[in-house]
Amino acid sequence: MRAFAWLILFGTLLLWSGNWIVARAVREEIAPGFATAGRLVLVVALLAPFCARGLAAKAARFTAAEWRPLLLLGFCGGGIHLGLQWLGLHYTTATSATLYLSTAPIFILLLARPLLGEGIGAPQWAGVAISFAGVALIGTQGDLSLVSFNAGDALALASMAMWSAYTVLLRLRRDSLDTPEFLTLICLMGLLWMAPWVAWEIAAGRKVLLSPAGAAAVAYSAIGSLLLAYAGWSYVVTRLGAARAGATMHLMPAIAVALAAIFLGEYPRWFHFAGLALILAGVALSAGRAPPARVRTPHNDR
């Protein structure tokens, strides 16, 4: 079963990496908030007919201890972080944005220790540092003096910070929702958080009409990078742990570089290959066995 979890993890990373390419390719076709809300609506429309009754029945019986992590998950992972990602890609390239994926394990490591009691050892920290060096090499095109931080970079970083919090909070769930019910609830919460953003885009005259390319991007984001990838990530985190799964997100910049070459005509150079070697080495080190975790119980979490 562990081998299957790693296979699901690779598929999830591939779907998410493709989303950065798609968002960059259609940035002039659709407003980011509208695109994010559109894919949330599509996911709810696909799942609700199969799980709405069960979700409503279970939600009516939730205790405060069950609602607290769900509300936090809805804020961190429901939609805003996706909107920030798409908005950031209006101002920076897909390759540059994925550089900040390297910060996800740092956020996860910092949050997993106090919230989950997960042990973090020196090899995990060393792996993160090595992987970050590889990502930085790719992002700066082989010249570390070129590091910059524009609006797009800041938005991408904020997106990853929120996603990291979502990853850790997944382990604090105490509800009885199955995966379709959980995703439906998270998307509904995301729509509530995205409503002011979409209202502003409409009032400001942003492009909210779907072109064929924009519609295809929304469909891919909903079914691929949201529906399938969210389910895959939830499965992986419960099987491998938040810190270990988060460390493998260093693979996404390398995957994105390959996809960018295929679909955007951005062909890799020597620093892409050197960076990939460092990323893979760091991921292998970070995925090793961590120190024993402190056991948490539902009683302690309350």
Protein backbone atom coordinates (compact mmCIF):
# COMPACT_ATOMS: atom_id res chain seq x y z
CA MET A 1 0.00 0.00 0.00
CA ARG A 2 2.91 2.39 0.59
CA ALA A 3 4.02 2.00 -3.05
CA PHE A 4 0.48 2.84 -4.15
CA ALA A 5 0.53 5.97 -1.97
CA TRP A 6 3.73 7.14 -3.68
CA LEU A 7 2.15 6.50 -7.10
CA ILE A 8 -0.89 8.58 -6.12
CA LEU A 9 1.46 11.28 -4.86
CA PHE A 10 3.27 11.51 -8.22
CA GLY A 11 -0.02 11.77 -10.11
CA THR A 12 -1.17 14.51 -7.75
CA LEU A 13 2.02 16.52 -8.25
CA LEU A 14 1.70 16.15 -12.03
CA LEU A 15 -1.86 17.48 -12.00
CA TRP A 16 -0.90 20.44 -9.82
CA SER A 17 2.17 21.25 -11.92
CA GLY A 18 -0.01 21.32 -15.02
CA ASN A 19 -2.31 23.81 -13.35
CA TRP A 20 0.49 26.40 -13.17
CA ILE A 21 1.08 26.00 -16.91
CA VAL A 22 -2.61 26.27 -17.73
CA ALA A 23 -3.08 29.34 -15.54
CA ARG A 24 -0.12 31.08 -17.15
CA ALA A 25 -1.29 30.19 -20.67
CA VAL A 26 -4.80 31.63 -20.26
CA ARG A 27 -4.00 34.60 -18.00
CA GLU A 28 -5.45 37.05 -20.54
CA GLU A 29 -8.56 34.95 -21.17
CA ILE A 30 -10.25 35.01 -17.76
CA ALA A 31 -10.06 36.91 -14.46
CA PRO A 32 -8.36 34.88 -11.71
CA GLY A 33 -11.11 35.19 -9.11
CA PHE A 34 -13.79 34.24 -11.62
CA ALA A 35 -11.72 31.27 -12.81
CA THR A 36 -11.25 30.07 -9.24
CA ALA A 37 -14.94 30.40 -8.40
CA GLY A 38 -15.85 28.68 -11.66
CA ARG A 39 -13.90 25.56 -10.87
CA LEU A 40 -15.33 25.45 -7.35
CA VAL A 41 -18.84 25.60 -8.80
CA LEU A 42 -17.99 22.82 -11.25
CA VAL A 43 -16.67 20.53 -8.51
CA VAL A 44 -19.76 21.12 -6.35
CA ALA A 45 -22.02 20.46 -9.36
CA LEU A 46 -20.24 17.15 -10.02
CA LEU A 47 -20.18 15.92 -6.43
CA ALA A 48 -23.32 17.31 -4.80
CA PRO A 49 -25.83 14.97 -6.52
CA PHE A 50 -24.02 12.00 -4.97
CA CYS A 51 -23.29 13.31 -1.49
CA ALA A 52 -25.48 16.31 -0.63
CA ARG A 53 -27.94 14.32 1.50
CA GLY A 54 -25.25 12.53 3.47
CA LEU A 55 -23.26 15.76 3.92
CA ALA A 56 -26.27 17.64 5.26
CA ALA A 57 -27.14 14.85 7.70
CA LYS A 58 -23.60 14.60 9.06
CA ALA A 59 -23.03 18.37 9.25
CA ALA A 60 -26.17 18.78 11.35
CA ARG A 61 -24.60 16.56 14.02
CA PHE A 62 -21.11 18.13 14.06
CA THR A 63 -19.75 19.34 17.37
CA ALA A 64 -17.72 22.52 17.79
CA ALA A 65 -14.55 20.40 17.90
CA GLU A 66 -15.44 18.97 14.49
CA TRP A 67 -16.37 22.32 12.94
CA ARG A 68 -13.23 24.20 14.03
CA PRO A 69 -10.71 22.42 11.75
CA LEU A 70 -13.23 22.32 8.90
CA LEU A 71 -13.72 26.08 9.03
CA LEU A 72 -9.96 26.61 9.02
CA LEU A 73 -9.56 24.15 6.15
CA GLY A 74 -12.25 26.00 4.18
CA PHE A 75 -10.36 29.26 4.56
CA CYS A 76 -6.88 27.92 3.83
CA GLY A 77 -7.72 25.43 1.09
CA GLY A 78 -11.15 26.31 -0.23
CA GLY A 79 -10.35 28.85 -2.89
CA ILE A 80 -8.35 31.90 -1.88
CA HIS A 81 -4.98 30.18 -2.24
CA LEU A 82 -5.99 29.09 -5.75
CA GLY A 83 -7.03 32.62 -6.66
CA LEU A 84 -3.72 33.99 -5.38
CA GLN A 85 -1.90 31.45 -7.55
CA TRP A 86 -3.74 32.47 -10.71
CA LEU A 87 -3.42 36.17 -9.94
CA GLY A 88 0.31 35.82 -9.29
CA LEU A 89 0.81 34.24 -12.71
CA HIS A 90 -0.36 37.50 -14.29
CA TYR A 91 2.86 39.09 -13.05
CA THR A 92 5.47 36.33 -13.05
CA THR A 93 6.27 33.27 -15.14
CA ALA A 94 5.16 29.75 -14.26
CA THR A 95 8.77 28.69 -13.70
CA SER A 96 9.45 31.62 -11.36
CA ALA A 97 6.22 31.06 -9.42
CA THR A 98 6.98 27.41 -8.83
CA LEU A 99 10.26 28.44 -7.19
CA TYR A 100 8.23 29.29 -4.10
CA LEU A 101 6.86 25.77 -3.87
CA SER A 102 10.10 25.13 -2.01
CA THR A 103 8.75 27.11 0.94
CA ALA A 104 5.85 24.68 1.50
CA PRO A 105 7.94 22.11 3.42
CA ILE A 106 9.32 24.90 5.62
CA PHE A 107 5.83 26.06 6.56
CA ILE A 108 4.68 22.47 7.02
CA LEU A 109 7.63 21.58 9.23
CA LEU A 110 7.04 24.63 11.41
CA LEU A 111 3.32 23.91 11.78
CA ALA A 112 3.49 20.12 12.02
CA ARG A 113 5.61 20.19 15.15
CA PRO A 114 3.27 22.19 17.47
CA LEU A 115 -0.02 21.02 15.92
CA LEU A 116 0.70 17.38 15.15
CA GLY A 117 3.72 16.50 17.26
CA GLU A 118 5.53 15.14 14.18
CA GLY A 119 9.23 14.58 14.75
CA ILE A 120 11.61 16.43 12.45
CA GLY A 121 15.23 15.36 12.26
CA ALA A 122 18.41 16.80 10.83
CA PRO A 123 18.19 14.74 7.59
CA GLN A 124 14.76 16.24 6.82
CA TRP A 125 16.05 19.76 7.33
CA ALA A 126 19.13 19.03 5.23
CA GLY A 127 16.94 17.64 2.45
CA VAL A 128 14.81 20.77 2.42
CA ALA A 129 17.92 22.94 2.18
CA ILE A 130 19.38 20.92 -0.69
CA SER A 131 16.10 20.97 -2.59
CA PHE A 132 15.74 24.71 -2.06
CA ALA A 133 19.20 25.20 -3.53
CA GLY A 134 18.09 23.31 -6.64
CA VAL A 135 14.86 25.28 -6.97
CA ALA A 136 16.75 28.55 -6.48
CA LEU A 137 19.22 27.53 -9.20
CA ILE A 138 16.34 27.02 -11.64
CA GLY A 139 14.50 30.17 -10.62
CA THR A 140 17.54 32.42 -10.97
CA GLN A 141 18.68 30.84 -14.26
CA GLY A 142 21.97 29.77 -12.77
CA ASP A 143 22.86 33.18 -11.30
CA LEU A 144 21.86 33.45 -7.65
CA SER A 145 22.40 37.21 -7.73
CA LEU A 146 19.26 37.53 -9.88
CA VAL A 147 16.81 36.72 -7.07
CA SER A 148 13.89 39.15 -7.26
CA PHE A 149 10.59 39.54 -5.47
CA ASN A 150 7.80 41.20 -7.44
CA ALA A 151 4.05 41.19 -6.91
CA GLY A 152 3.64 37.85 -8.66
CA ASP A 153 6.30 36.26 -6.48
CA ALA A 154 4.65 37.59 -3.32
CA LEU A 155 1.25 36.24 -4.37
CA ALA A 156 2.72 32.82 -5.19
CA LEU A 157 4.41 32.73 -1.79
CA ALA A 158 1.18 33.66 -0.01
CA SER A 159 -0.62 30.90 -1.90
CA MET A 160 1.92 28.32 -0.75
CA ALA A 161 1.72 29.49 2.86
CA MET A 162 -2.03 28.95 2.85
CA TRP A 163 -1.70 25.57 1.17
CA SER A 164 0.85 24.45 3.75
CA ALA A 165 -1.54 25.37 6.55
CA TYR A 166 -4.27 23.37 4.80
CA THR A 167 -1.97 20.34 4.57
CA VAL A 168 -1.22 20.36 8.30
CA LEU A 169 -4.83 21.01 9.29
CA LEU A 170 -5.94 17.92 7.38
CA ARG A 171 -4.44 15.81 10.17
CA LEU A 172 -6.60 17.59 12.79
CA ARG A 173 -9.92 16.53 11.26
CA ARG A 174 -12.31 14.76 13.61
CA ASP A 175 -15.35 14.63 11.32
CA SER A 176 -16.91 11.58 9.69
CA LEU A 177 -17.09 12.98 6.15
CA ASP A 178 -15.94 10.79 3.29
CA THR A 179 -13.81 12.31 0.54
CA PRO A 180 -16.64 13.51 -1.80
CA GLU A 181 -18.53 15.04 1.14
CA PHE A 182 -15.40 16.71 2.45
CA LEU A 183 -14.45 18.20 -0.94
CA THR A 184 -18.00 19.47 -1.48
CA LEU A 185 -18.01 21.22 1.89
CA ILE A 186 -14.56 22.75 1.35
CA CYS A 187 -15.58 24.03 -2.09
CA LEU A 188 -18.80 25.54 -0.72
CA MET A 189 -16.78 27.34 1.94
CA GLY A 190 -14.34 28.45 -0.73
CA LEU A 191 -17.18 29.98 -2.75
CA LEU A 192 -18.23 32.02 0.26
CA TRP A 193 -14.69 33.34 0.68
CA MET A 194 -14.35 34.03 -3.06
CA ALA A 195 -17.66 35.90 -3.39
CA PRO A 196 -16.26 39.38 -2.50
CA TRP A 197 -13.33 38.87 -4.88
CA VAL A 198 -15.61 37.91 -7.79
CA ALA A 199 -17.96 40.80 -7.00
CA TRP A 200 -15.03 43.20 -7.19
CA GLU A 201 -13.90 41.77 -10.55
CA ILE A 202 -17.39 42.22 -11.99
CA ALA A 203 -17.64 45.78 -10.66
CA ALA A 204 -14.16 46.60 -12.01
CA GLY A 205 -15.00 45.28 -15.47
CA ARG A 206 -12.55 42.38 -15.43
CA LYS A 207 -12.95 39.63 -18.03
CA VAL A 208 -15.53 37.23 -16.65
CA LEU A 209 -16.92 35.80 -19.89
CA LEU A 210 -15.61 32.35 -20.73
CA SER A 211 -13.69 31.98 -23.98
CA PRO A 212 -13.12 28.41 -25.23
CA ALA A 213 -9.57 28.49 -23.81
CA GLY A 214 -10.79 29.90 -20.50
CA ALA A 215 -13.54 27.31 -20.23
CA ALA A 216 -11.08 24.49 -20.92
CA ALA A 217 -8.71 25.85 -18.26
CA VAL A 218 -11.50 26.02 -15.69
CA ALA A 219 -12.53 22.44 -16.51
CA TYR A 220 -8.98 21.17 -16.15
CA SER A 221 -8.48 23.04 -12.89
CA ALA A 222 -11.76 21.73 -11.47
CA ILE A 223 -11.51 18.08 -12.48
CA GLY A 224 -7.73 17.62 -12.55
CA SER A 225 -5.96 19.93 -10.14
CA LEU A 226 -8.85 20.32 -7.71
CA LEU A 227 -11.13 17.27 -7.69
CA LEU A 228 -8.64 14.50 -8.44
CA ALA A 229 -5.59 16.16 -6.88
CA TYR A 230 -7.37 17.14 -3.66
CA ALA A 231 -8.58 13.58 -3.22
CA GLY A 232 -5.10 12.26 -3.94
CA TRP A 233 -3.42 14.68 -1.55
CA SER A 234 -5.83 13.87 1.26
CA TYR A 235 -5.10 10.17 0.75
CA VAL A 236 -1.32 10.70 0.66
CA VAL A 237 -1.15 12.90 3.76
CA THR A 238 -3.00 10.32 5.84
CA ARG A 239 -0.71 7.51 4.61
CA LEU A 240 2.71 9.21 4.52
CA GLY A 241 2.41 12.13 6.95
CA ALA A 242 2.28 15.88 6.37
CA ALA A 243 6.04 16.56 6.58
CA ARG A 244 7.05 13.71 4.28
CA ALA A 245 4.37 14.46 1.67
CA GLY A 246 5.12 18.17 1.80
CA ALA A 247 8.82 17.62 1.15
CA THR A 248 8.05 15.97 -2.20
CA MET A 249 6.44 19.17 -3.46
CA HIS A 250 9.99 20.15 -4.45
CA LEU A 251 9.40 17.93 -7.47
CA MET A 252 6.77 20.28 -8.84
CA PRO A 253 9.16 22.96 -10.16
CA ALA A 254 11.02 20.27 -12.11
CA ILE A 255 7.76 18.88 -13.48
CA ALA A 256 6.59 22.39 -14.34
CA VAL A 257 9.82 23.10 -16.24
CA ALA A 258 9.22 20.05 -18.41
CA LEU A 259 5.58 20.98 -19.02
CA ALA A 260 6.54 24.58 -19.79
CA ALA A 261 8.95 23.35 -22.45
CA ILE A 262 6.25 21.20 -24.04
CA PHE A 263 3.30 23.59 -23.89
CA LEU A 264 4.79 27.09 -23.55
CA GLY A 265 7.98 26.73 -25.57
CA GLU A 266 10.21 27.43 -22.57
CA TYR A 267 13.07 24.99 -23.17
CA PRO A 268 15.33 23.90 -20.29
CA ARG A 269 18.99 24.86 -20.04
CA TRP A 270 21.90 23.57 -17.98
CA PHE A 271 20.69 25.12 -14.73
CA HIS A 272 17.35 23.31 -15.06
CA PHE A 273 19.12 19.94 -15.14
CA ALA A 274 21.49 20.90 -12.30
CA GLY A 275 18.57 22.14 -10.25
CA LEU A 276 16.62 18.95 -10.93
CA ALA A 277 19.51 16.85 -9.63
CA LEU A 278 19.59 18.84 -6.39
CA ILE A 279 15.82 18.67 -6.03
CA LEU A 280 15.74 14.90 -6.40
CA ALA A 281 18.60 14.48 -3.93
CA GLY A 282 16.87 16.69 -1.39
CA VAL A 283 13.51 14.95 -1.78
CA ALA A 284 15.13 11.55 -1.26
CA LEU A 285 16.79 12.78 1.92
CA SER A 286 13.66 14.52 3.24
CA ALA A 287 11.50 11.46 2.62
CA GLY A 288 13.60 9.34 4.99
CA ARG A 289 12.43 8.17 8.39
CA ALA A 290 11.78 11.00 10.83
CA PRO A 291 12.15 10.84 14.63
CA PRO A 292 9.21 9.23 16.48
CA ALA A 293 6.13 11.44 16.57
CA ARG A 294 4.37 12.43 19.76
CA VAL A 295 1.05 10.62 19.79
CA ARG A 296 -1.98 12.90 19.79
CA THR A 297 -5.41 11.80 20.91
CA PRO A 298 -8.84 13.33 20.29
CA HIS A 299 -8.99 14.13 24.03
CA ASN A 300 -5.78 16.15 23.87
CA ASP A 301 -6.86 17.97 20.71
CA ARG A 302 -9.92 19.24 22.46
